[in-house]
């Protein structure tokens, strides 16, 4: 997993912007799970070597008679912009092309931890994928003798005397190999996020004959809350906090009380909308804190269920949600039992601009 989804899925999504057919090679069950919802051909089993695996994929593609094939490592989640366009342009004059990065570091050959020699780095490149080829030629070469030394497909063309063109590679085209690669790639895939804080406040009067719904949970009580919708004061305050963090007004702007469509509406709809606005902005809800202010009913016994319901509606872990209660020591309208108030605070992470 990388930044919330399988590494292979990142690689597949990057390829799908450019190709007509995606042919995965490997174990079918985890591949299907990783690529669920993406357009791809049925996975075919790989082989004992890289060459055997690539050949299996090429044979599966042969009935489609493609002109060009890109061979890509599923462990490379980032295909930098312009890479595939450069590869396809290179195929206009060469039978194969690969992205590559010049070696910048001094190279040492060693036995164990002891240096044997310094290797001149002039003219040396680090090969990357995807590698691009004319399909009929690459298939023919793979159908030939097996080569354990074929660590990439360009090697087969080199051995057969065909020219392979280099196009500029990029440092962000990292092959997931070491644990440190994950942090490096996540920094690239996930844009910097800026915290945005929002607060919300709401109050509703108690009324007989109405259900008491707080933070999405119905509580047994002789009174409910009066309002145009179901008057869930906790959710209303939370929605206002989210809209405030996004600088998108308040709940009344999105769901006007003058609109008959929201008469007695389930406030869960409002919170789902607020969560959707976070997602639409590419953001993440870091945490939410709701405080209910009342003398009665007692909130503590229902707080776990409220946290679970809010987490469900927002699509976040319950650990990100806090629900608590306090009183006003019998002062004011809440102290006199005339109504219930709620305040909420949220932290939303939005991509930096």
Protein backbone atom coordinates (compact mmCIF):
# COMPACT_ATOMS: atom_id res chain seq x y z
CA UNK A 1 0.00 0.00 0.00
CA UNK A 2 1.12 3.52 -0.80
CA UNK A 3 -0.78 6.70 0.10
CA UNK A 4 -3.97 4.72 0.64
CA UNK A 5 -3.99 2.39 -2.34
CA UNK A 6 -1.91 -0.48 -3.78
CA UNK A 7 1.31 0.46 -5.54
CA UNK A 8 0.16 -1.51 -8.60
CA UNK A 9 -3.00 0.60 -8.82
CA UNK A 10 -0.99 3.81 -8.96
CA UNK A 11 1.05 2.34 -11.82
CA UNK A 12 -2.06 1.12 -13.66
CA UNK A 13 -3.85 4.46 -13.33
CA UNK A 14 -0.81 6.24 -14.72
CA UNK A 15 -0.69 3.89 -17.73
CA UNK A 16 -4.42 3.97 -18.44
CA UNK A 17 -4.22 7.64 -19.42
CA UNK A 18 -2.18 6.60 -22.47
CA UNK A 19 -3.01 3.03 -23.54
CA UNK A 20 -5.86 1.15 -25.16
CA UNK A 21 -5.29 -2.17 -23.39
CA UNK A 22 -3.83 -2.93 -19.97
CA UNK A 23 -2.52 -6.48 -19.54
CA UNK A 24 -1.56 -7.35 -15.94
CA UNK A 25 0.82 -10.26 -15.39
CA UNK A 26 0.98 -12.08 -12.07
CA UNK A 27 -1.24 -13.67 -9.43
CA UNK A 28 -4.84 -13.04 -10.42
CA UNK A 29 -6.62 -12.65 -7.06
CA UNK A 30 -4.52 -9.83 -5.57
CA UNK A 31 -4.25 -8.13 -8.98
CA UNK A 32 -8.03 -8.08 -9.44
CA UNK A 33 -8.42 -6.65 -5.93
CA UNK A 34 -5.77 -3.98 -6.52
CA UNK A 35 -7.24 -2.94 -9.89
CA UNK A 36 -10.93 -3.16 -9.00
CA UNK A 37 -12.93 -0.68 -11.05
CA UNK A 38 -10.16 -0.09 -13.59
CA UNK A 39 -10.41 -1.27 -17.21
CA UNK A 40 -7.94 -4.11 -17.79
CA UNK A 41 -7.64 -7.49 -19.47
CA UNK A 42 -7.76 -10.68 -17.43
CA UNK A 43 -4.49 -11.19 -15.52
CA UNK A 44 -2.22 -13.94 -16.83
CA UNK A 45 0.20 -15.90 -14.62
CA UNK A 46 3.82 -14.82 -14.57
CA UNK A 47 6.87 -17.03 -14.91
CA UNK A 48 9.99 -17.87 -12.94
CA UNK A 49 11.96 -15.04 -14.59
CA UNK A 50 11.16 -11.54 -15.74
CA UNK A 51 11.49 -12.61 -19.37
CA UNK A 52 8.98 -15.43 -18.89
CA UNK A 53 6.50 -13.02 -17.29
CA UNK A 54 6.82 -10.45 -20.05
CA UNK A 55 6.43 -13.12 -22.69
CA UNK A 56 3.22 -14.30 -21.01
CA UNK A 57 1.83 -10.80 -21.22
CA UNK A 58 2.89 -10.39 -24.85
CA UNK A 59 1.28 -13.70 -25.85
CA UNK A 60 -1.97 -12.61 -24.17
CA UNK A 61 -1.88 -9.37 -26.19
CA UNK A 62 -0.98 -11.06 -29.51
CA UNK A 63 -4.62 -11.67 -30.61
CA UNK A 64 -5.22 -7.91 -30.43
CA UNK A 65 -2.31 -7.25 -32.86
CA UNK A 66 -1.10 -4.02 -31.28
CA UNK A 67 1.50 -1.90 -33.04
CA UNK A 68 3.24 -0.69 -29.89
CA UNK A 69 3.65 -2.14 -26.43
CA UNK A 70 4.78 -0.51 -23.19
CA UNK A 71 6.33 -2.82 -20.59
CA UNK A 72 6.08 -1.33 -17.13
CA UNK A 73 7.05 -2.37 -13.61
CA UNK A 74 4.00 -2.51 -11.35
CA UNK A 75 6.38 -1.39 -8.59
CA UNK A 76 6.82 2.03 -10.26
CA UNK A 77 3.77 4.08 -9.21
CA UNK A 78 4.84 7.36 -10.83
CA UNK A 79 5.11 7.89 -14.59
CA UNK A 80 6.32 11.49 -14.97
CA UNK A 81 4.45 13.75 -17.42
CA UNK A 82 5.87 13.63 -20.92
CA UNK A 83 7.61 10.28 -20.50
CA UNK A 84 5.23 8.21 -22.62
CA UNK A 85 4.89 10.91 -25.26
CA UNK A 86 8.69 10.97 -25.59
CA UNK A 87 8.83 7.17 -25.85
CA UNK A 88 6.21 7.05 -28.60
CA UNK A 89 7.99 9.80 -30.53
CA UNK A 90 11.26 7.84 -30.28
CA UNK A 91 9.56 4.76 -31.77
CA UNK A 92 9.04 6.71 -35.00
CA UNK A 93 12.75 6.24 -35.72
CA UNK A 94 13.86 3.36 -33.48
CA UNK A 95 12.49 -0.12 -32.71
CA UNK A 96 12.73 0.48 -28.98
CA UNK A 97 13.02 3.30 -26.45
CA UNK A 98 13.44 3.55 -22.71
CA UNK A 99 13.55 6.36 -20.14
CA UNK A 100 16.90 6.67 -18.40
CA UNK A 101 18.67 8.94 -15.94
CA UNK A 102 22.41 9.72 -16.16
CA UNK A 103 24.41 8.31 -13.26
CA UNK A 104 25.50 11.25 -11.10
CA UNK A 105 27.21 9.45 -8.22
CA UNK A 106 30.68 7.98 -8.21
CA UNK A 107 30.41 4.21 -8.72
CA UNK A 108 32.45 1.64 -6.80
CA UNK A 109 32.80 -2.07 -7.45
CA UNK A 110 33.30 -3.98 -4.20
CA UNK A 111 33.79 -7.39 -2.67
CA UNK A 112 31.61 -7.34 0.42
CA UNK A 113 32.36 -4.00 2.04
CA UNK A 114 35.79 -3.55 0.53
CA UNK A 115 36.24 -1.48 -2.65
CA UNK A 116 37.84 -3.30 -5.57
CA UNK A 117 37.73 -0.47 -8.10
CA UNK A 118 36.16 2.83 -9.09
CA UNK A 119 33.94 2.59 -12.16
CA UNK A 120 33.90 5.51 -14.57
CA UNK A 121 30.39 6.88 -14.74
CA UNK A 122 30.72 8.67 -18.07
CA UNK A 123 28.08 7.36 -20.44
CA UNK A 124 26.28 5.32 -17.75
CA UNK A 125 22.52 5.57 -17.26
CA UNK A 126 19.95 4.12 -14.87
CA UNK A 127 17.22 2.42 -16.91
CA UNK A 128 13.58 2.94 -15.98
CA UNK A 129 10.16 1.83 -17.22
CA UNK A 130 7.81 1.95 -19.03
CA UNK A 131 9.90 0.74 -21.95
CA UNK A 132 8.39 1.06 -25.43
CA UNK A 133 8.77 -1.26 -28.41
CA UNK A 134 7.26 -2.23 -31.71
CA UNK A 135 5.10 -5.13 -30.62
CA UNK A 136 5.88 -7.70 -33.36
CA UNK A 137 9.63 -7.35 -32.83
CA UNK A 138 9.50 -7.66 -29.04
CA UNK A 139 7.21 -10.69 -29.25
CA UNK A 140 9.53 -12.39 -31.74
CA UNK A 141 12.56 -11.80 -29.52
CA UNK A 142 10.76 -13.14 -26.45
CA UNK A 143 9.75 -16.24 -28.39
CA UNK A 144 13.43 -16.90 -29.01
CA UNK A 145 15.93 -18.41 -26.55
CA UNK A 146 15.47 -17.59 -22.88
CA UNK A 147 18.07 -15.33 -21.27
CA UNK A 148 18.43 -15.19 -17.49
CA UNK A 149 20.44 -11.95 -17.95
CA UNK A 150 17.43 -10.15 -19.48
CA UNK A 151 16.73 -7.83 -16.56
CA UNK A 152 14.86 -5.51 -18.92
CA UNK A 153 13.41 -5.79 -22.41
CA UNK A 154 15.83 -3.35 -24.02
CA UNK A 155 18.57 -5.95 -23.36
CA UNK A 156 16.92 -8.36 -25.82
CA UNK A 157 16.97 -5.74 -28.56
CA UNK A 158 20.59 -4.86 -27.79
CA UNK A 159 21.65 -8.51 -28.05
CA UNK A 160 19.84 -8.85 -31.37
CA UNK A 161 21.60 -5.79 -32.79
CA UNK A 162 18.66 -3.39 -32.71
CA UNK A 163 19.08 0.21 -31.58
CA UNK A 164 17.28 1.41 -28.47
CA UNK A 165 16.86 5.13 -27.93
CA UNK A 166 17.13 6.81 -24.55
CA UNK A 167 14.60 9.47 -23.57
CA UNK A 168 14.95 11.59 -20.42
CA UNK A 169 13.95 9.75 -17.28
CA UNK A 170 13.10 11.37 -13.96
CA UNK A 171 14.13 10.96 -10.34
CA UNK A 172 10.50 10.64 -9.23
CA UNK A 173 10.11 7.47 -11.35
CA UNK A 174 11.11 5.38 -8.32
CA UNK A 175 10.89 1.59 -8.24
CA UNK A 176 9.56 0.52 -4.84
CA UNK A 177 12.49 -1.49 -3.50
CA UNK A 178 13.50 -0.26 -0.06
CA UNK A 179 11.35 0.88 2.91
CA UNK A 180 12.60 4.45 2.48
CA UNK A 181 11.11 4.51 -1.04
CA UNK A 182 7.58 4.61 0.40
CA UNK A 183 8.07 7.92 2.22
CA UNK A 184 9.77 9.43 -0.82
CA UNK A 185 6.94 8.42 -3.14
CA UNK A 186 4.20 9.50 -0.76
CA UNK A 187 5.69 12.97 -0.67
CA UNK A 188 5.40 13.09 -4.45
CA UNK A 189 1.95 11.52 -4.76
CA UNK A 190 0.36 13.49 -1.92
CA UNK A 191 0.51 17.25 -2.37
CA UNK A 192 1.36 19.38 0.68
CA UNK A 193 -1.71 19.83 2.85
CA UNK A 194 -2.64 22.97 4.77
CA UNK A 195 -4.76 22.72 7.95
CA UNK A 196 -8.00 24.71 7.94
CA UNK A 197 -9.97 25.10 11.19
CA UNK A 198 -13.71 25.66 11.29
CA UNK A 199 -16.18 26.18 14.14
CA UNK A 200 -19.93 25.81 14.27
CA UNK A 201 -22.72 26.62 16.72
CA UNK A 202 -26.42 25.79 16.70
CA UNK A 203 -29.37 25.79 19.07
CA UNK A 204 -32.88 24.33 18.95
CA UNK A 205 -35.79 24.61 21.33
CA UNK A 206 -37.29 21.56 23.03
CA UNK A 207 -40.74 20.52 21.84
CA UNK A 208 -43.12 17.74 22.82
CA UNK A 209 -44.12 15.19 20.21
CA UNK A 210 -40.80 15.28 18.34
CA UNK A 211 -38.08 12.59 18.41
CA UNK A 212 -34.84 13.52 20.16
CA UNK A 213 -32.10 13.03 17.57
CA UNK A 214 -28.58 14.08 18.49
CA UNK A 215 -25.49 13.41 16.35
CA UNK A 216 -27.49 10.95 14.27
CA UNK A 217 -28.70 8.87 17.23
CA UNK A 218 -32.31 8.73 18.46
CA UNK A 219 -32.44 9.06 22.26
CA UNK A 220 -35.47 8.08 24.42
CA UNK A 221 -36.75 11.36 25.91
CA UNK A 222 -40.08 13.07 26.54
CA UNK A 223 -39.13 15.96 24.26
CA UNK A 224 -37.51 16.39 20.91
CA UNK A 225 -35.99 19.39 19.18
CA UNK A 226 -38.01 21.77 17.04
CA UNK A 227 -36.76 22.83 13.62
CA UNK A 228 -37.37 22.75 9.89
CA UNK A 229 -35.48 19.47 9.50
CA UNK A 230 -35.10 16.84 12.21
CA UNK A 231 -33.32 19.58 14.23
CA UNK A 232 -30.23 17.49 15.02
CA UNK A 233 -28.33 20.28 16.72
CA UNK A 234 -25.07 18.30 16.89
CA UNK A 235 -24.93 17.56 13.18
CA UNK A 236 -25.97 21.10 12.29
CA UNK A 237 -23.12 22.57 14.32
CA UNK A 238 -20.72 20.06 12.78
CA UNK A 239 -21.84 20.92 9.24
CA UNK A 240 -21.33 24.61 9.94
CA UNK A 241 -17.82 23.88 11.23
CA UNK A 242 -16.95 21.97 8.05
CA UNK A 243 -18.41 24.60 5.73
CA UNK A 244 -16.53 27.22 7.74
CA UNK A 245 -13.21 25.40 7.34
CA UNK A 246 -13.86 25.30 3.60
CA UNK A 247 -15.00 28.95 3.54
CA UNK A 248 -18.25 27.80 1.93
CA UNK A 249 -20.79 29.58 4.10
CA UNK A 250 -23.09 27.78 6.51
CA UNK A 251 -25.72 25.05 6.49
CA UNK A 252 -28.47 27.54 5.65
CA UNK A 253 -26.71 28.45 2.42
CA UNK A 254 -26.66 24.85 1.24
CA UNK A 255 -30.02 23.78 2.70
CA UNK A 256 -32.26 26.85 3.09
CA UNK A 257 -34.96 26.46 5.78
CA UNK A 258 -37.36 28.14 3.36
CA UNK A 259 -37.05 25.15 1.01
CA UNK A 260 -39.83 22.61 1.54
CA UNK A 261 -37.52 19.81 0.35
CA UNK A 262 -35.76 19.90 3.72
CA UNK A 263 -38.91 19.78 5.86
CA UNK A 264 -38.31 17.11 8.54
CA UNK A 265 -35.24 15.94 6.56
CA UNK A 266 -32.74 13.54 8.10
CA UNK A 267 -29.71 15.67 8.97
CA UNK A 268 -27.50 12.76 7.90
CA UNK A 269 -28.04 14.08 4.36
CA UNK A 270 -26.53 17.41 5.35
CA UNK A 271 -23.44 15.82 6.89
CA UNK A 272 -22.89 13.56 3.88
CA UNK A 273 -23.01 16.67 1.72
CA UNK A 274 -20.44 18.41 3.92
CA UNK A 275 -18.17 15.35 3.71
CA UNK A 276 -18.59 15.39 -0.05
CA UNK A 277 -17.47 19.01 -0.18
CA UNK A 278 -14.25 18.06 1.62
CA UNK A 279 -13.62 15.29 -0.92
CA UNK A 280 -14.45 17.59 -3.85
CA UNK A 281 -11.74 19.96 -2.69
CA UNK A 282 -9.21 17.12 -2.45
CA UNK A 283 -9.19 17.42 1.33
CA UNK A 284 -9.22 15.18 4.36
CA UNK A 285 -11.04 15.58 7.66
CA UNK A 286 -8.32 15.31 10.31
CA UNK A 287 -10.66 15.43 13.31
CA UNK A 288 -13.97 16.77 14.58
CA UNK A 289 -15.00 17.69 18.12
CA UNK A 290 -18.67 18.18 19.05
CA UNK A 291 -19.89 19.49 22.41
CA UNK A 292 -23.58 19.18 23.30
CA UNK A 293 -24.80 21.69 25.91
CA UNK A 294 -27.84 20.67 27.95
CA UNK A 295 -29.09 19.65 31.39
CA UNK A 296 -31.08 16.74 30.03
CA UNK A 297 -31.02 14.17 28.49
CA UNK A 298 -27.79 12.63 29.73
CA UNK A 299 -25.44 12.34 26.76
CA UNK A 300 -22.58 10.19 28.07
CA UNK A 301 -24.36 6.80 27.67
CA UNK A 302 -24.99 7.58 23.99
CA UNK A 303 -21.68 9.24 23.11
CA UNK A 304 -20.03 6.06 21.72
CA UNK A 305 -22.97 5.47 19.36
CA UNK A 306 -22.88 9.13 18.31
CA UNK A 307 -19.17 8.96 17.53
CA UNK A 308 -19.71 5.81 15.47
CA UNK A 309 -22.61 7.35 13.53
CA UNK A 310 -20.74 10.57 12.74
CA UNK A 311 -17.66 8.62 11.67
CA UNK A 312 -19.83 6.51 9.36
CA UNK A 313 -21.45 9.54 7.76
CA UNK A 314 -18.12 11.32 7.31
CA UNK A 315 -16.26 8.23 6.08
CA UNK A 316 -13.49 8.53 8.67
CA UNK A 317 -12.12 6.48 11.55
CA UNK A 318 -14.02 6.76 14.83
CA UNK A 319 -10.72 7.87 16.38
CA UNK A 320 -11.10 11.15 14.48
CA UNK A 321 -14.46 11.96 16.12
CA UNK A 322 -15.11 13.31 19.61
CA UNK A 323 -18.55 13.81 21.15
CA UNK A 324 -18.91 15.16 24.67
CA UNK A 325 -21.42 17.10 26.75
CA UNK A 326 -21.52 19.83 29.34
CA UNK A 327 -24.08 21.89 31.22
CA UNK A 328 -24.39 25.59 31.96
CA UNK A 329 -24.89 24.97 35.70
CA UNK A 330 -28.61 25.66 35.24
CA UNK A 331 -27.94 29.09 33.82
CA UNK A 332 -29.58 30.42 30.65
CA UNK A 333 -32.07 28.73 28.34
CA UNK A 334 -30.20 25.41 28.32
CA UNK A 335 -29.97 25.50 32.11
CA UNK A 336 -33.71 26.07 32.34
CA UNK A 337 -34.30 23.07 30.06
CA UNK A 338 -35.78 25.16 27.25
CA UNK A 339 -33.45 23.93 24.53
CA UNK A 340 -30.17 22.29 23.58
CA UNK A 341 -27.12 23.96 22.07
CA UNK A 342 -24.10 22.47 20.33
CA UNK A 343 -20.73 23.73 19.26
CA UNK A 344 -18.25 21.97 16.98
CA UNK A 345 -14.70 22.40 15.82
CA UNK A 346 -13.00 20.63 12.92
CA UNK A 347 -9.60 20.50 11.29
CA UNK A 348 -9.69 19.92 7.54
CA UNK A 349 -6.52 19.36 5.52
CA UNK A 350 -6.68 20.91 2.03
CA UNK A 351 -4.09 20.81 -0.75
CA UNK A 352 -1.80 23.81 -0.66
CA UNK A 353 -2.26 26.25 -3.53
